[in-house]
């Protein structure tokens, strides 16, 4: 029997290691703008909640505490504009990547089924389909996908890697199409609070879904907006029938968010001040890097939201990666996100102010 890993592509970040070594050899050190991992401090209000819940000797529940479910419902209504939510419409998960990778299996999707996602996309959508033995299908426009055998349709707005924001009317039309054809929609909205030149809208907004949650689930994460990548704190909001099924499966799998992380999530969702403060940091870094990249001959496409600049000099992406690595700047090649990205690089603005400043100096020298 072939190993499960044989279904999967080479882990993309392993291919970047030689260029990382080159960048690290720069006399003034590496500026890593590739992965997009948060580097700023975890807000005090969140750390205090985590510490206060540190004495948690018992098992947490998969569904989370009442306080956590209250917090998710309240935030979703306040921030997403969702209406009519109850505890049955929410489910905490152990980071959004875990959810994306294992969702098709947990939904019972398998051989003969299809999972669709954007042509330029977070690689884990395809990984999830392949782990389940389903057929991965890429699309340029979701409503052009053949609905025959299509079990799961991924939306991603704001997009990783491009930062593209889907207009409200496009989301509305896609939700209506999916409902008409009995296709389940999962909308990855992890960058929704990081809009710069556009205001991202959730599929749960009444103008998109008509006030009902049938057939749609939104995925949210605290990794970016609250600097909690290390906490693995994320959650789902939407169709209560789908979430009930996932809850039943995840109970058997022991997929429990640790109790202190649940308490930290409650604090994070209840405080908007730290989100605004973090946005200001990212806005300044984004502006500085965009100006420097454009001065260096790059063209920026989309990038109206998220934590990345989708940049090109109209050359193969690995040539760009190599040239920048010699300057000590590491970026992600666009083909990590599909062949359509082969002439782009993704530049994260999640490095510290000092490192972003150093990247700007090297790009404009």
Protein backbone atom coordinates (compact mmCIF):
# COMPACT_ATOMS: atom_id res chain seq x y z
CA UNK A 1 0.00 0.00 0.00
CA UNK A 2 1.59 3.34 -1.03
CA UNK A 3 2.23 5.82 1.78
CA UNK A 4 -0.26 8.63 2.19
CA UNK A 5 2.48 11.18 1.55
CA UNK A 6 2.79 9.86 -2.01
CA UNK A 7 -0.46 11.68 -2.83
CA UNK A 8 1.07 15.01 -1.89
CA UNK A 9 3.37 17.44 -3.69
CA UNK A 10 6.80 18.27 -2.30
CA UNK A 11 6.39 20.56 0.71
CA UNK A 12 6.88 23.92 -1.03
CA UNK A 13 8.87 25.68 1.66
CA UNK A 14 11.59 23.01 1.52
CA UNK A 15 12.41 24.24 -2.00
CA UNK A 16 13.20 27.69 -0.63
CA UNK A 17 15.92 26.52 1.77
CA UNK A 18 18.95 27.13 -0.55
CA UNK A 19 17.80 30.71 -1.13
CA UNK A 20 17.27 31.18 2.58
CA UNK A 21 20.89 30.16 3.17
CA UNK A 22 22.04 32.67 0.57
CA UNK A 23 20.00 35.45 2.16
CA UNK A 24 21.22 34.51 5.64
CA UNK A 25 24.82 34.93 4.48
CA UNK A 26 24.30 38.64 3.86
CA UNK A 27 26.66 40.63 6.12
CA UNK A 28 23.74 42.56 7.61
CA UNK A 29 21.57 39.47 8.08
CA UNK A 30 18.52 38.06 6.37
CA UNK A 31 15.28 39.97 5.88
CA UNK A 32 12.70 37.17 5.72
CA UNK A 33 9.56 38.32 3.90
CA UNK A 34 8.58 34.84 2.75
CA UNK A 35 6.36 32.95 5.18
CA UNK A 36 4.45 35.88 6.66
CA UNK A 37 4.67 34.78 10.29
CA UNK A 38 3.74 37.43 12.89
CA UNK A 39 6.69 38.94 14.77
CA UNK A 40 5.05 41.58 16.96
CA UNK A 41 4.24 40.95 20.64
CA UNK A 42 1.11 39.12 21.70
CA UNK A 43 -1.14 41.82 23.22
CA UNK A 44 -1.07 41.97 27.03
CA UNK A 45 -4.83 41.46 27.35
CA UNK A 46 -4.48 38.10 25.59
CA UNK A 47 -1.39 36.95 27.49
CA UNK A 48 -3.05 37.81 30.80
CA UNK A 49 -6.09 35.69 29.89
CA UNK A 50 -3.83 32.80 28.88
CA UNK A 51 -1.90 32.92 32.16
CA UNK A 52 -5.06 33.24 34.24
CA UNK A 53 -6.34 30.02 32.66
CA UNK A 54 -3.01 28.23 33.07
CA UNK A 55 -4.30 26.00 35.87
CA UNK A 56 -6.43 23.84 33.54
CA UNK A 57 -5.76 20.21 34.50
CA UNK A 58 -8.91 18.77 32.93
CA UNK A 59 -9.65 17.98 29.30
CA UNK A 60 -11.16 20.83 27.28
CA UNK A 61 -14.17 20.16 25.09
CA UNK A 62 -14.09 20.17 21.30
CA UNK A 63 -17.04 22.59 21.18
CA UNK A 64 -15.32 24.95 23.60
CA UNK A 65 -16.56 26.78 26.67
CA UNK A 66 -19.80 28.70 26.80
CA UNK A 67 -17.75 31.89 27.09
CA UNK A 68 -15.83 31.03 23.93
CA UNK A 69 -18.96 30.35 21.93
CA UNK A 70 -20.50 33.58 23.22
CA UNK A 71 -17.39 35.46 22.13
CA UNK A 72 -17.39 33.96 18.62
CA UNK A 73 -21.10 34.70 18.17
CA UNK A 74 -20.70 38.25 19.42
CA UNK A 75 -17.66 38.99 17.27
CA UNK A 76 -19.28 37.48 14.18
CA UNK A 77 -22.35 39.63 14.60
CA UNK A 78 -20.34 42.77 15.33
CA UNK A 79 -17.55 42.37 12.79
CA UNK A 80 -19.07 40.26 10.00
CA UNK A 81 -22.61 41.59 10.18
CA UNK A 82 -23.93 38.04 10.58
CA UNK A 83 -27.46 37.68 11.91
CA UNK A 84 -29.40 35.02 13.79
CA UNK A 85 -26.41 33.16 15.18
CA UNK A 86 -26.54 30.72 18.08
CA UNK A 87 -23.93 28.47 19.65
CA UNK A 88 -24.84 25.78 17.11
CA UNK A 89 -23.50 28.05 14.35
CA UNK A 90 -19.92 28.15 15.69
CA UNK A 91 -17.04 25.72 16.22
CA UNK A 92 -13.49 26.41 17.47
CA UNK A 93 -10.66 24.65 15.62
CA UNK A 94 -6.97 24.03 16.25
CA UNK A 95 -5.67 26.62 13.79
CA UNK A 96 -7.08 27.13 10.32
CA UNK A 97 -4.41 25.13 8.46
CA UNK A 98 -5.38 21.96 10.34
CA UNK A 99 -8.99 22.61 9.39
CA UNK A 100 -8.23 23.20 5.72
CA UNK A 101 -6.04 20.10 5.41
CA UNK A 102 -8.42 17.67 7.10
CA UNK A 103 -11.82 19.15 6.24
CA UNK A 104 -12.57 16.99 3.19
CA UNK A 105 -11.88 13.81 5.16
CA UNK A 106 -14.03 15.01 8.06
CA UNK A 107 -16.86 15.75 5.63
CA UNK A 108 -16.69 12.24 4.19
CA UNK A 109 -15.38 13.46 0.84
CA UNK A 110 -13.34 10.91 -1.07
CA UNK A 111 -12.70 9.16 -4.35
CA UNK A 112 -15.07 10.29 -7.09
CA UNK A 113 -15.72 13.64 -5.40
CA UNK A 114 -14.33 17.03 -6.39
CA UNK A 115 -12.94 19.89 -4.31
CA UNK A 116 -12.56 23.25 -6.06
CA UNK A 117 -10.38 26.22 -5.16
CA UNK A 118 -8.91 29.28 -6.92
CA UNK A 119 -6.22 28.83 -9.56
CA UNK A 120 -3.92 30.98 -7.42
CA UNK A 121 -4.40 29.67 -3.91
CA UNK A 122 -3.11 28.62 -0.52
CA UNK A 123 -1.55 25.18 -1.27
CA UNK A 124 -3.36 23.44 1.59
CA UNK A 125 -6.70 23.49 -0.27
CA UNK A 126 -5.20 21.06 -2.77
CA UNK A 127 -3.48 19.09 -0.02
CA UNK A 128 -6.82 18.57 1.73
CA UNK A 129 -8.39 17.21 -1.45
CA UNK A 130 -5.48 14.86 -2.08
CA UNK A 131 -5.39 13.57 1.49
CA UNK A 132 -9.05 12.59 1.06
CA UNK A 133 -8.44 10.97 -2.33
CA UNK A 134 -10.73 13.51 -4.00
CA UNK A 135 -10.10 15.29 -7.29
CA UNK A 136 -8.71 18.82 -6.90
CA UNK A 137 -10.21 21.30 -9.36
CA UNK A 138 -8.87 24.81 -9.92
CA UNK A 139 -11.01 27.67 -11.16
CA UNK A 140 -10.74 31.22 -12.43
CA UNK A 141 -14.43 31.90 -11.80
CA UNK A 142 -16.20 29.59 -9.33
CA UNK A 143 -19.52 29.54 -11.18
CA UNK A 144 -17.79 28.12 -14.26
CA UNK A 145 -16.90 24.90 -12.41
CA UNK A 146 -18.90 21.84 -13.48
CA UNK A 147 -21.06 21.16 -10.40
CA UNK A 148 -21.29 17.43 -11.18
CA UNK A 149 -19.54 15.63 -8.31
CA UNK A 150 -18.46 18.90 -6.72
CA UNK A 151 -18.75 18.49 -2.96
CA UNK A 152 -16.75 21.42 -1.64
CA UNK A 153 -16.03 24.88 -3.07
CA UNK A 154 -13.36 27.01 -1.42
CA UNK A 155 -13.57 30.79 -1.60
CA UNK A 156 -10.72 32.95 -0.34
CA UNK A 157 -11.29 36.66 0.09
CA UNK A 158 -9.03 38.46 0.82
CA UNK A 159 -6.85 36.11 -1.18
CA UNK A 160 -3.64 34.49 -0.16
CA UNK A 161 -1.39 35.12 -2.09
CA UNK A 162 -2.75 37.95 -4.23
CA UNK A 163 -4.65 40.07 -1.69
CA UNK A 164 -7.61 40.25 -4.07
CA UNK A 165 -10.97 41.08 -2.48
CA UNK A 166 -14.11 39.58 -4.02
CA UNK A 167 -16.90 42.13 -4.47
CA UNK A 168 -20.11 41.65 -2.52
CA UNK A 169 -22.16 40.99 -5.66
CA UNK A 170 -19.74 38.29 -6.82
CA UNK A 171 -19.92 36.56 -3.44
CA UNK A 172 -23.71 36.77 -3.51
CA UNK A 173 -23.93 35.24 -6.98
CA UNK A 174 -21.54 32.43 -6.03
CA UNK A 175 -23.45 31.56 -2.86
CA UNK A 176 -26.71 31.47 -4.84
CA UNK A 177 -25.13 29.26 -7.52
CA UNK A 178 -23.70 26.87 -4.93
CA UNK A 179 -27.04 26.56 -3.16
CA UNK A 180 -28.79 25.90 -6.45
CA UNK A 181 -26.41 23.02 -7.19
CA UNK A 182 -26.13 21.64 -3.65
CA UNK A 183 -22.45 22.56 -3.34
CA UNK A 184 -21.03 23.33 0.10
CA UNK A 185 -19.11 26.63 0.30
CA UNK A 186 -16.29 27.19 2.77
CA UNK A 187 -15.02 30.77 2.70
CA UNK A 188 -11.50 31.35 4.02
CA UNK A 189 -11.72 34.87 5.47
CA UNK A 190 -8.63 34.87 7.67
CA UNK A 191 -7.48 38.26 6.35
CA UNK A 192 -10.87 39.95 6.48
CA UNK A 193 -9.80 42.55 9.06
CA UNK A 194 -6.80 43.53 6.95
CA UNK A 195 -8.33 45.45 4.07
CA UNK A 196 -6.29 48.40 2.75
CA UNK A 197 -7.77 49.58 -0.53
CA UNK A 198 -11.02 47.62 -0.32
CA UNK A 199 -13.41 46.59 2.44
CA UNK A 200 -13.69 42.78 2.53
CA UNK A 201 -17.15 41.31 3.07
CA UNK A 202 -17.98 37.96 4.66
CA UNK A 203 -20.19 35.35 3.04
CA UNK A 204 -22.20 35.57 6.27
CA UNK A 205 -23.20 39.17 5.63
CA UNK A 206 -26.96 39.34 4.94
CA UNK A 207 -26.34 41.12 1.64
CA UNK A 208 -24.43 38.03 0.50
CA UNK A 209 -26.28 35.11 2.08
CA UNK A 210 -29.77 36.62 2.43
CA UNK A 211 -29.67 36.24 6.19
CA UNK A 212 -29.55 32.42 6.13
CA UNK A 213 -26.53 30.21 6.73
CA UNK A 214 -27.51 27.15 4.71
CA UNK A 215 -24.64 25.67 2.74
CA UNK A 216 -22.01 28.21 3.81
CA UNK A 217 -19.28 28.27 6.46
CA UNK A 218 -16.77 31.04 7.11
CA UNK A 219 -13.25 30.25 8.38
CA UNK A 220 -11.52 32.75 10.68
CA UNK A 221 -8.17 32.84 12.45
CA UNK A 222 -6.52 34.93 15.14
CA UNK A 223 -3.01 34.26 13.81
CA UNK A 224 -2.71 37.47 11.81
CA UNK A 225 -5.06 40.01 13.37
CA UNK A 226 -3.97 39.21 16.96
CA UNK A 227 -0.40 37.84 16.47
CA UNK A 228 -1.52 34.42 17.71
CA UNK A 229 0.00 32.09 15.13
CA UNK A 230 1.74 30.29 17.98
CA UNK A 231 -1.54 29.75 19.84
CA UNK A 232 -3.30 27.91 16.98
CA UNK A 233 -6.61 29.69 17.54
CA UNK A 234 -9.27 29.66 14.82
CA UNK A 235 -12.98 29.02 14.42
CA UNK A 236 -15.81 28.30 12.01
CA UNK A 237 -19.13 30.12 11.68
CA UNK A 238 -22.08 29.11 9.53
CA UNK A 239 -24.36 26.19 8.62
CA UNK A 240 -25.30 24.50 11.90
CA UNK A 241 -25.93 21.12 10.25
CA UNK A 242 -22.43 21.04 8.76
CA UNK A 243 -20.86 22.20 12.02
CA UNK A 244 -22.81 19.61 14.01
CA UNK A 245 -21.40 16.88 11.77
CA UNK A 246 -17.87 18.26 12.12
CA UNK A 247 -18.32 18.42 15.88
CA UNK A 248 -19.32 14.75 16.01
CA UNK A 249 -16.30 13.72 13.95
CA UNK A 250 -13.84 15.98 15.76
CA UNK A 251 -14.96 14.66 19.16
CA UNK A 252 -13.81 11.21 18.10
CA UNK A 253 -10.53 12.66 16.82
CA UNK A 254 -9.84 14.60 20.03
CA UNK A 255 -9.41 17.87 18.12
CA UNK A 256 -9.59 20.14 21.15
CA UNK A 257 -8.37 23.70 21.43
CA UNK A 258 -6.35 23.85 24.71
CA UNK A 259 -8.30 25.46 27.56
CA UNK A 260 -5.85 28.37 28.08
CA UNK A 261 -6.01 29.13 24.35
CA UNK A 262 -9.80 29.15 24.53
CA UNK A 263 -9.60 31.76 27.29
CA UNK A 264 -7.08 33.78 25.27
CA UNK A 265 -9.41 33.66 22.26
CA UNK A 266 -12.25 35.10 24.34
CA UNK A 267 -10.01 38.00 25.33
CA UNK A 268 -8.81 38.54 21.76
CA UNK A 269 -12.30 38.63 20.30
CA UNK A 270 -13.47 41.03 22.97
CA UNK A 271 -10.79 43.65 22.36
CA UNK A 272 -10.67 45.71 19.16
CA UNK A 273 -7.96 48.14 20.31
CA UNK A 274 -5.05 45.74 19.72
CA UNK A 275 -6.36 44.98 16.22
CA UNK A 276 -6.37 48.67 15.31
CA UNK A 277 -2.86 49.08 16.72
CA UNK A 278 -1.56 46.13 14.73
CA UNK A 279 -3.20 47.42 11.55
CA UNK A 280 -1.27 50.68 11.92
CA UNK A 281 2.00 48.75 12.12
CA UNK A 282 1.20 46.75 9.03
CA UNK A 283 -0.03 49.77 7.08
CA UNK A 284 3.28 51.58 7.59
CA UNK A 285 5.33 48.52 6.61
CA UNK A 286 3.14 47.91 3.57
CA UNK A 287 3.55 51.47 2.35
CA UNK A 288 7.32 51.44 2.76
CA UNK A 289 7.79 48.10 1.00
CA UNK A 290 5.41 48.92 -1.84
CA UNK A 291 7.24 52.17 -2.56
CA UNK A 292 10.61 50.41 -2.49
CA UNK A 293 9.49 47.54 -4.72
CA UNK A 294 7.98 49.87 -7.31
CA UNK A 295 11.18 51.94 -7.30
CA UNK A 296 13.05 48.69 -8.01
CA UNK A 297 11.01 47.95 -11.13
CA UNK A 298 8.27 45.79 -9.64
CA UNK A 299 4.60 46.02 -10.57
CA UNK A 300 2.12 45.31 -7.77
CA UNK A 301 -1.13 43.57 -8.71
CA UNK A 302 -4.23 43.27 -6.52
CA UNK A 303 -2.84 43.44 -2.95
CA UNK A 304 -5.75 45.58 -1.79
CA UNK A 305 -5.96 43.49 1.39
CA UNK A 306 -4.09 40.80 3.41
CA UNK A 307 -0.47 40.88 4.60
CA UNK A 308 1.26 40.50 1.24
CA UNK A 309 2.26 42.37 -1.88
CA UNK A 310 1.82 40.37 -5.08
CA UNK A 311 4.74 41.63 -7.14
CA UNK A 312 6.31 40.99 -10.53
CA UNK A 313 9.13 42.19 -12.74
CA UNK A 314 7.77 40.06 -15.60
CA UNK A 315 10.45 37.42 -15.14
CA UNK A 316 10.36 33.84 -13.83
CA UNK A 317 9.66 33.92 -10.10
CA UNK A 318 12.71 31.88 -9.14
CA UNK A 319 14.97 34.39 -10.91
CA UNK A 320 13.42 37.09 -8.74
CA UNK A 321 13.84 34.97 -5.61
CA UNK A 322 17.48 34.30 -6.43
CA UNK A 323 18.34 37.94 -7.17
CA UNK A 324 16.68 39.20 -4.01
CA UNK A 325 18.28 36.48 -1.91
CA UNK A 326 21.70 37.77 -2.96
CA UNK A 327 20.66 41.07 -1.39
CA UNK A 328 19.68 39.22 1.77
CA UNK A 329 15.93 39.51 1.14
CA UNK A 330 13.87 36.31 1.07
CA UNK A 331 10.46 36.26 -0.64
CA UNK A 332 8.06 33.49 -1.65
CA UNK A 333 7.99 32.35 -5.30
CA UNK A 334 4.57 32.74 -6.86
CA UNK A 335 4.43 29.21 -8.21
CA UNK A 336 4.05 27.95 -4.63
CA UNK A 337 0.44 29.02 -5.14
CA UNK A 338 -0.07 27.47 -8.56
CA UNK A 339 1.48 27.65 -12.04
CA UNK A 340 -0.39 30.91 -12.70
CA UNK A 341 1.95 32.59 -10.22
CA UNK A 342 5.15 31.61 -12.02
CA UNK A 343 6.13 35.23 -12.80
CA UNK A 344 5.22 36.72 -9.42
CA UNK A 345 6.60 36.72 -5.90
CA UNK A 346 4.70 37.16 -2.67
CA UNK A 347 6.26 39.69 -0.34
CA UNK A 348 5.07 39.64 3.27
CA UNK A 349 5.14 42.80 5.38
CA UNK A 350 5.15 40.94 8.69
CA UNK A 351 8.80 41.55 9.54
CA UNK A 352 9.80 44.01 12.27
CA UNK A 353 10.05 47.73 11.53
CA UNK A 354 13.84 47.44 11.64
CA UNK A 355 13.94 44.54 9.16
CA UNK A 356 11.43 46.19 6.82
CA UNK A 357 13.55 49.32 6.94
CA UNK A 358 16.60 47.24 6.04
CA UNK A 359 14.75 45.65 3.12
CA UNK A 360 13.77 49.09 1.86
CA UNK A 361 17.41 50.21 2.09
CA UNK A 362 18.62 47.23 0.10
CA UNK A 363 15.90 47.55 -2.53
CA UNK A 364 16.58 51.23 -3.11
CA UNK A 365 20.38 51.17 -2.84
